[in-house]
Amino acid sequence: MLESTSRLRARYVETDQMGVVHHSAYLAWMEVARTDYLRERGLPYKELEALGFRMPVLGVEVRYLLPALYDDDILVKARLARASGVRFSFDYEVLRASDGTLLCRARTDHAATDHAGRPRRLPKELARLIGGDIEPG
């Protein structure tokens, strides 16, 4: 399975008074990892939009295991979990880089749409580029 790893630093603005990263920051980190995943496969999100596609988030499932703290060096691993033409999902792992501790597991579900928000099947060549061995349904 294809995977991408993004490296981030937990910023002060993402934390509470105790220096713990707020749960909402993880969603932004996942977006960074997802767009890095696409870029690494030769399809920056900007180009996907230029081709007439968008990838709105339909759902999110997150399991917070341990807190990330201010100034932690963070790794976010993203991989395509499944794809079926119009719908697809990404899995994520958020880890503390210094010791590899798993902080969070998550999944985002998406649909391919046109710019008006109507479902639009990805052409096979785009689906292959995004998912490697995962064939569109």
Protein backbone atom coordinates (compact mmCIF):
# COMPACT_ATOMS: atom_id res chain seq x y z
CA MET A 1 0.00 0.00 0.00
CA LEU A 2 1.32 3.43 -0.95
CA GLU A 3 2.08 5.76 1.94
CA SER A 4 3.22 9.34 2.43
CA THR A 5 4.82 10.80 5.55
CA SER A 6 4.58 14.50 6.39
CA ARG A 7 6.66 16.15 9.10
CA LEU A 8 5.19 18.97 11.18
CA ARG A 9 5.95 20.82 14.41
CA ALA A 10 3.19 21.32 17.00
CA ARG A 11 2.80 25.09 17.09
CA TYR A 12 1.92 27.12 20.16
CA VAL A 13 -1.31 28.35 18.54
CA GLU A 14 -2.47 24.70 18.31
CA THR A 15 -2.20 24.10 22.06
CA ASP A 16 -4.18 24.86 25.19
CA GLN A 17 -2.84 26.45 28.37
CA MET A 18 -1.29 23.11 29.40
CA GLY A 19 0.67 22.83 26.15
CA VAL A 20 -1.52 19.98 24.82
CA VAL A 21 -2.40 20.10 21.12
CA HIS A 22 -6.13 20.75 20.61
CA HIS A 23 -8.02 17.90 18.96
CA SER A 24 -8.99 20.07 15.96
CA ALA A 25 -5.33 20.59 14.97
CA TYR A 26 -5.07 16.93 14.00
CA LEU A 27 -7.61 17.48 11.20
CA ALA A 28 -5.44 20.21 9.68
CA TRP A 29 -2.41 17.92 9.99
CA MET A 30 -4.32 15.20 8.12
CA GLU A 31 -5.12 17.65 5.33
CA VAL A 32 -1.41 18.44 5.01
CA ALA A 33 -0.61 14.71 4.83
CA ARG A 34 -3.38 14.04 2.30
CA THR A 35 -2.28 16.84 -0.05
CA ASP A 36 1.37 15.75 0.34
CA TYR A 37 0.28 12.21 -0.60
CA LEU A 38 -1.30 13.50 -3.81
CA ARG A 39 1.65 15.78 -4.62
CA GLU A 40 4.12 12.90 -4.19
CA ARG A 41 2.14 10.95 -6.79
CA GLY A 42 2.41 13.78 -9.29
CA LEU A 43 -1.05 15.20 -8.71
CA PRO A 44 -1.01 18.36 -6.59
CA TYR A 45 -4.50 19.20 -5.33
CA LYS A 46 -4.37 22.45 -7.32
CA GLU A 47 -4.01 20.40 -10.54
CA LEU A 48 -6.83 18.08 -9.48
CA GLU A 49 -9.06 21.15 -9.15
CA ALA A 50 -7.85 22.46 -12.52
CA LEU A 51 -9.02 19.14 -14.04
CA GLY A 52 -12.49 19.85 -12.62
CA PHE A 53 -12.39 17.73 -9.46
CA ARG A 54 -12.72 18.37 -5.75
CA MET A 55 -12.42 15.95 -2.83
CA PRO A 56 -14.80 17.09 -0.08
CA VAL A 57 -14.59 15.32 3.27
CA LEU A 58 -17.75 13.28 3.93
CA GLY A 59 -16.75 11.88 7.30
CA VAL A 60 -13.97 11.69 9.86
CA GLU A 61 -13.19 9.06 12.47
CA VAL A 62 -10.42 9.84 14.95
CA ARG A 63 -8.98 7.89 17.88
CA TYR A 64 -6.78 10.01 20.14
CA LEU A 65 -4.40 7.70 22.00
CA LEU A 66 -1.90 10.06 23.64
CA PRO A 67 -1.55 13.85 23.53
CA ALA A 68 0.81 15.73 21.25
CA LEU A 69 2.52 18.58 23.10
CA TYR A 70 3.76 22.01 22.16
CA ASP A 71 6.92 21.88 20.00
CA ASP A 72 6.69 18.11 19.42
CA ASP A 73 8.14 17.04 16.09
CA ILE A 74 5.20 15.19 14.49
CA LEU A 75 5.00 12.65 11.68
CA VAL A 76 1.67 12.13 9.91
CA LYS A 77 1.46 9.03 7.74
CA ALA A 78 -1.28 8.96 5.11
CA ARG A 79 -2.33 6.04 2.93
CA LEU A 80 -5.23 5.41 0.61
CA ALA A 81 -7.41 2.84 2.37
CA ARG A 82 -9.97 2.23 -0.36
CA ALA A 83 -11.28 3.68 -3.59
CA SER A 84 -14.31 2.98 -5.74
CA GLY A 85 -14.53 5.48 -8.56
CA VAL A 86 -16.37 8.29 -6.77
CA ARG A 87 -15.69 7.47 -3.10
CA PHE A 88 -12.41 6.88 -1.32
CA SER A 89 -10.88 6.90 2.15
CA PHE A 90 -7.51 7.76 3.65
CA ASP A 91 -6.05 6.25 6.83
CA TYR A 92 -3.65 8.21 9.03
CA GLU A 93 -1.23 7.62 11.85
CA VAL A 94 0.09 10.56 13.86
CA LEU A 95 3.36 9.83 15.66
CA ARG A 96 5.84 11.69 17.83
CA ALA A 97 9.00 11.69 15.70
CA SER A 98 11.46 11.58 18.60
CA ASP A 99 10.36 8.16 19.87
CA GLY A 100 7.83 6.85 17.32
CA THR A 101 4.98 6.91 19.84
CA LEU A 102 1.61 6.53 18.13
CA LEU A 103 -0.56 9.47 19.20
CA CYS A 104 -3.59 9.11 16.95
CA ARG A 105 -5.23 6.94 14.28
CA ALA A 106 -7.79 8.36 11.90
CA ARG A 107 -9.72 7.92 8.67
CA THR A 108 -11.29 10.47 6.35
CA ASP A 109 -13.93 9.56 3.78
CA HIS A 110 -14.19 11.58 0.55
CA ALA A 111 -16.14 11.84 -2.68
CA ALA A 112 -14.90 13.05 -6.02
CA THR A 113 -17.11 15.91 -7.20
CA ASP A 114 -17.16 18.57 -9.85
CA HIS A 115 -16.90 22.23 -8.86
CA ALA A 116 -20.68 22.40 -8.36
CA GLY A 117 -20.53 19.56 -5.82
CA ARG A 118 -22.04 16.86 -8.05
CA PRO A 119 -20.44 13.38 -7.78
CA ARG A 120 -17.95 12.75 -10.55
CA ARG A 121 -16.15 9.48 -11.24
CA LEU A 122 -12.37 9.80 -11.41
CA PRO A 123 -10.93 8.68 -14.75
CA LYS A 124 -9.06 5.36 -14.38
CA GLU A 125 -5.67 6.98 -14.99
CA LEU A 126 -6.25 9.48 -12.15
CA ALA A 127 -7.57 6.76 -9.83
CA ARG A 128 -4.48 4.62 -10.53
CA LEU A 129 -2.18 7.59 -9.96
CA ILE A 130 -3.79 8.31 -6.60
CA GLY A 131 -4.17 4.71 -5.46
CA GLY A 132 -1.57 2.55 -7.06
CA ASP A 133 -3.03 -0.98 -6.85
CA ILE A 134 -6.51 0.12 -5.80
CA GLU A 135 -8.78 -0.03 -8.84
CA PRO A 136 -11.81 2.23 -9.19
CA GLY A 137 -15.13 0.46 -8.89
